């Protein structure tokens, strides 16, 4: 199925008429403007500031986490 889709795309691209105006789908990389890539650090800081404070974790979840960690350690210890 993927091969058929690829064949159809290649066949349609071969049928493109001459003199077709440039657009992002049929132009070369040199004619396209490069998008500005912003640093992600500020976005991560903003996302962390929106999180609620985790000073008082749920005791049930903390106990489940401890149990899961103990099970994982037991499995690792039993593995050859």
N, C-alpha and C. Protein backbone atom coordinates (compact mmCIF):
# COMPACT_ATOMS: atom_id res chain seq x y z
N UNK A 1 0.82 -1.19 0.00
CA UNK A 1 0.00 0.00 0.00
C UNK A 1 0.87 1.26 0.00
N UNK A 2 1.94 1.23 0.81
CA UNK A 2 2.82 2.40 0.85
C UNK A 2 3.51 2.61 -0.50
N UNK A 3 3.86 1.51 -1.13
CA UNK A 3 4.51 1.61 -2.43
C UNK A 3 3.56 2.21 -3.46
N UNK A 4 2.30 1.84 -3.39
CA UNK A 4 1.30 2.39 -4.30
C UNK A 4 1.13 3.89 -4.08
N UNK A 5 1.09 4.31 -2.83
CA UNK A 5 0.95 5.74 -2.53
C UNK A 5 2.17 6.50 -3.04
N UNK A 6 3.35 5.95 -2.83
CA UNK A 6 4.56 6.59 -3.32
C UNK A 6 4.55 6.69 -4.84
N UNK A 7 4.12 5.63 -5.51
CA UNK A 7 4.04 5.64 -6.97
C UNK A 7 3.08 6.72 -7.46
N UNK A 8 1.92 6.84 -6.82
CA UNK A 8 0.93 7.85 -7.23
C UNK A 8 1.49 9.25 -7.03
N UNK A 9 2.17 9.49 -5.92
CA UNK A 9 2.75 10.81 -5.67
C UNK A 9 3.81 11.14 -6.71
N UNK A 10 4.68 10.17 -7.01
CA UNK A 10 5.70 10.41 -8.03
C UNK A 10 5.09 10.62 -9.40
N UNK A 11 4.04 9.88 -9.71
CA UNK A 11 3.38 10.02 -11.01
C UNK A 11 2.73 11.39 -11.14
N UNK A 12 2.08 11.84 -10.07
CA UNK A 12 1.46 13.15 -10.11
C UNK A 12 2.49 14.27 -10.18
N UNK A 13 3.62 14.10 -9.53
CA UNK A 13 4.65 15.13 -9.59
C UNK A 13 5.28 15.20 -10.98
N UNK A 14 5.29 14.10 -11.71
CA UNK A 14 5.82 14.11 -13.07
C UNK A 14 4.87 14.81 -14.03
N UNK A 15 3.60 14.92 -13.67
CA UNK A 15 2.60 15.55 -14.52
C UNK A 15 2.45 17.04 -14.26
N UNK A 16 3.30 17.62 -13.45
CA UNK A 16 3.20 19.03 -13.12
C UNK A 16 3.52 19.86 -14.36
N UNK A 17 2.66 20.79 -14.72
CA UNK A 17 2.91 21.59 -15.93
C UNK A 17 4.10 22.53 -15.75
N UNK A 18 4.75 22.85 -16.87
CA UNK A 18 5.88 23.78 -16.82
C UNK A 18 5.37 25.18 -16.52
N UNK A 19 6.20 25.95 -15.83
CA UNK A 19 5.83 27.32 -15.52
C UNK A 19 4.92 27.45 -14.32
N UNK A 20 4.76 26.38 -13.60
CA UNK A 20 3.92 26.43 -12.40
C UNK A 20 4.58 27.37 -11.39
N UNK A 21 3.83 28.31 -10.81
CA UNK A 21 4.45 29.24 -9.86
C UNK A 21 4.98 28.50 -8.62
N UNK A 22 6.02 29.09 -8.05
CA UNK A 22 6.63 28.48 -6.86
C UNK A 22 5.66 28.49 -5.69
N UNK A 23 5.63 27.41 -4.99
CA UNK A 23 4.88 27.31 -3.74
C UNK A 23 5.64 26.32 -2.87
N UNK A 24 5.31 26.23 -1.59
CA UNK A 24 6.09 25.36 -0.70
C UNK A 24 6.10 23.89 -1.11
N UNK A 25 5.15 23.48 -1.91
CA UNK A 25 5.09 22.06 -2.28
C UNK A 25 5.95 21.73 -3.49
N UNK A 26 6.25 22.71 -4.33
CA UNK A 26 7.02 22.38 -5.52
C UNK A 26 8.27 23.23 -5.67
N UNK A 27 8.65 24.02 -4.68
CA UNK A 27 9.84 24.84 -4.79
C UNK A 27 11.03 24.15 -4.12
N UNK A 28 12.20 24.65 -4.43
CA UNK A 28 13.40 24.07 -3.84
C UNK A 28 13.64 24.70 -2.47
N UNK A 29 14.56 24.13 -1.74
CA UNK A 29 14.85 24.60 -0.39
C UNK A 29 15.42 26.02 -0.43
N UNK A 30 16.15 26.36 -1.48
CA UNK A 30 16.77 27.68 -1.57
C UNK A 30 15.74 28.80 -1.64
N UNK A 31 14.57 28.55 -2.18
CA UNK A 31 13.58 29.61 -2.33
C UNK A 31 12.65 29.73 -1.14
N UNK A 32 12.72 28.79 -0.21
CA UNK A 32 11.85 28.84 0.96
C UNK A 32 12.54 29.61 2.09
N UNK A 33 11.76 30.38 2.83
CA UNK A 33 12.31 31.11 3.97
C UNK A 33 12.44 30.14 5.14
N UNK A 34 13.56 30.23 5.83
CA UNK A 34 13.77 29.37 6.99
C UNK A 34 13.00 29.93 8.18
N UNK A 35 12.24 29.11 8.86
CA UNK A 35 11.51 29.61 10.02
C UNK A 35 12.46 29.87 11.19
N UNK A 36 12.11 30.84 12.00
CA UNK A 36 12.93 31.15 13.16
C UNK A 36 12.65 30.12 14.24
N UNK A 37 13.71 29.55 14.78
CA UNK A 37 13.57 28.55 15.84
C UNK A 37 13.89 29.24 17.16
N UNK A 38 12.90 29.31 18.01
CA UNK A 38 13.07 29.98 19.30
C UNK A 38 13.64 29.00 20.32
N UNK A 39 14.41 29.50 21.28
CA UNK A 39 14.92 28.61 22.32
C UNK A 39 13.79 28.06 23.17
N UNK A 40 13.93 26.82 23.58
CA UNK A 40 12.87 26.15 24.33
C UNK A 40 12.97 26.36 25.83
N UNK A 41 14.10 26.85 26.30
CA UNK A 41 14.29 26.98 27.75
C UNK A 41 13.22 27.86 28.39
N UNK A 42 12.89 28.98 27.75
CA UNK A 42 11.88 29.87 28.32
C UNK A 42 10.51 29.20 28.35
N UNK A 43 10.22 28.38 27.35
CA UNK A 43 8.94 27.67 27.35
C UNK A 43 8.88 26.65 28.48
N UNK A 44 9.99 25.97 28.73
CA UNK A 44 10.02 25.00 29.82
C UNK A 44 9.86 25.67 31.17
N UNK A 45 10.50 26.82 31.34
CA UNK A 45 10.35 27.55 32.60
C UNK A 45 8.92 28.02 32.79
N UNK A 46 8.29 28.46 31.72
CA UNK A 46 6.90 28.90 31.79
C UNK A 46 5.98 27.74 32.15
N UNK A 47 6.23 26.58 31.57
CA UNK A 47 5.40 25.41 31.87
C UNK A 47 5.58 24.97 33.31
N UNK A 48 6.81 25.03 33.82
CA UNK A 48 7.05 24.64 35.20
C UNK A 48 6.41 25.61 36.18
N UNK A 49 6.33 26.87 35.81
CA UNK A 49 5.74 27.85 36.73
C UNK A 49 4.23 27.66 36.85
N UNK A 50 3.60 27.05 35.86
CA UNK A 50 2.16 26.81 35.90
C UNK A 50 1.79 25.58 36.72
N UNK A 51 2.77 24.74 37.06
CA UNK A 51 2.49 23.52 37.80
C UNK A 51 2.19 23.84 39.26
N UNK A 52 1.26 23.12 39.86
CA UNK A 52 1.02 23.34 41.29
C UNK A 52 2.19 22.82 42.11
N UNK A 53 2.36 23.38 43.26
CA UNK A 53 3.46 22.97 44.14
C UNK A 53 3.23 21.54 44.60
N UNK A 54 4.29 20.73 44.56
CA UNK A 54 4.18 19.31 44.94
C UNK A 54 4.78 19.09 46.32
N UNK A 55 4.59 20.03 47.23
CA UNK A 55 5.16 19.91 48.56
C UNK A 55 4.47 18.82 49.36
N UNK A 56 3.18 18.63 49.15
CA UNK A 56 2.41 17.62 49.89
C UNK A 56 1.89 16.57 48.92
N UNK A 57 2.72 15.57 48.57
CA UNK A 57 2.24 14.54 47.64
C UNK A 57 1.16 13.68 48.29
N UNK A 58 0.36 13.08 47.47
CA UNK A 58 -0.70 12.20 47.94
C UNK A 58 -0.06 10.99 48.63
N UNK A 59 -0.40 10.70 49.88
CA UNK A 59 0.25 9.58 50.58
C UNK A 59 -0.03 8.23 49.93
N UNK A 60 -1.22 8.06 49.34
CA UNK A 60 -1.51 6.79 48.67
C UNK A 60 -0.60 6.59 47.46
N UNK A 61 -0.42 7.68 46.70
CA UNK A 61 0.46 7.57 45.53
C UNK A 61 1.91 7.36 45.95
N UNK A 62 2.32 8.00 47.02
CA UNK A 62 3.69 7.81 47.51
C UNK A 62 3.90 6.36 47.93
N UNK A 63 2.92 5.77 48.59
CA UNK A 63 3.03 4.37 49.02
C UNK A 63 3.06 3.44 47.81
N UNK A 64 2.20 3.71 46.82
CA UNK A 64 2.20 2.88 45.61
C UNK A 64 3.54 2.97 44.89
N UNK A 65 4.10 4.19 44.84
CA UNK A 65 5.41 4.36 44.21
C UNK A 65 6.49 3.58 44.93
N UNK A 66 6.45 3.63 46.25
CA UNK A 66 7.45 2.88 47.03
C UNK A 66 7.29 1.38 46.80
N UNK A 67 6.04 0.90 46.74
CA UNK A 67 5.80 -0.52 46.48
C UNK A 67 6.31 -0.92 45.10
N UNK A 68 6.05 -0.09 44.10
CA UNK A 68 6.51 -0.40 42.75
C UNK A 68 8.03 -0.40 42.66
N UNK A 69 8.67 0.56 43.34
CA UNK A 69 10.13 0.57 43.34
C UNK A 69 10.69 -0.67 44.02
N UNK A 70 10.06 -1.11 45.10
CA UNK A 70 10.51 -2.32 45.80
C UNK A 70 10.34 -3.55 44.91
N UNK A 71 9.22 -3.62 44.19
CA UNK A 71 9.01 -4.75 43.26
C UNK A 71 10.05 -4.74 42.15
N UNK A 72 10.34 -3.54 41.63
CA UNK A 72 11.33 -3.44 40.55
C UNK A 72 12.70 -3.87 41.03
N UNK A 73 13.07 -3.47 42.23
CA UNK A 73 14.36 -3.88 42.78
C UNK A 73 14.41 -5.39 42.99
N UNK A 74 13.30 -5.98 43.45
CA UNK A 74 13.26 -7.44 43.65
C UNK A 74 13.39 -8.17 42.32
N UNK A 75 12.75 -7.66 41.28
CA UNK A 75 12.84 -8.28 39.95
C UNK A 75 14.27 -8.16 39.42
N UNK A 76 14.88 -6.99 39.60
CA UNK A 76 16.26 -6.81 39.15
C UNK A 76 17.21 -7.73 39.90
N UNK A 77 16.98 -7.90 41.18
CA UNK A 77 17.85 -8.77 41.98
C UNK A 77 17.68 -10.23 41.59
N UNK A 78 16.47 -10.63 41.19
CA UNK A 78 16.21 -12.02 40.81
C UNK A 78 16.68 -12.34 39.40
N UNK A 79 16.84 -11.32 38.57
CA UNK A 79 17.26 -11.55 37.18
C UNK A 79 18.71 -11.98 37.14
N UNK A 80 19.02 -12.94 36.26
CA UNK A 80 20.42 -13.41 36.17
C UNK A 80 21.35 -12.39 35.57
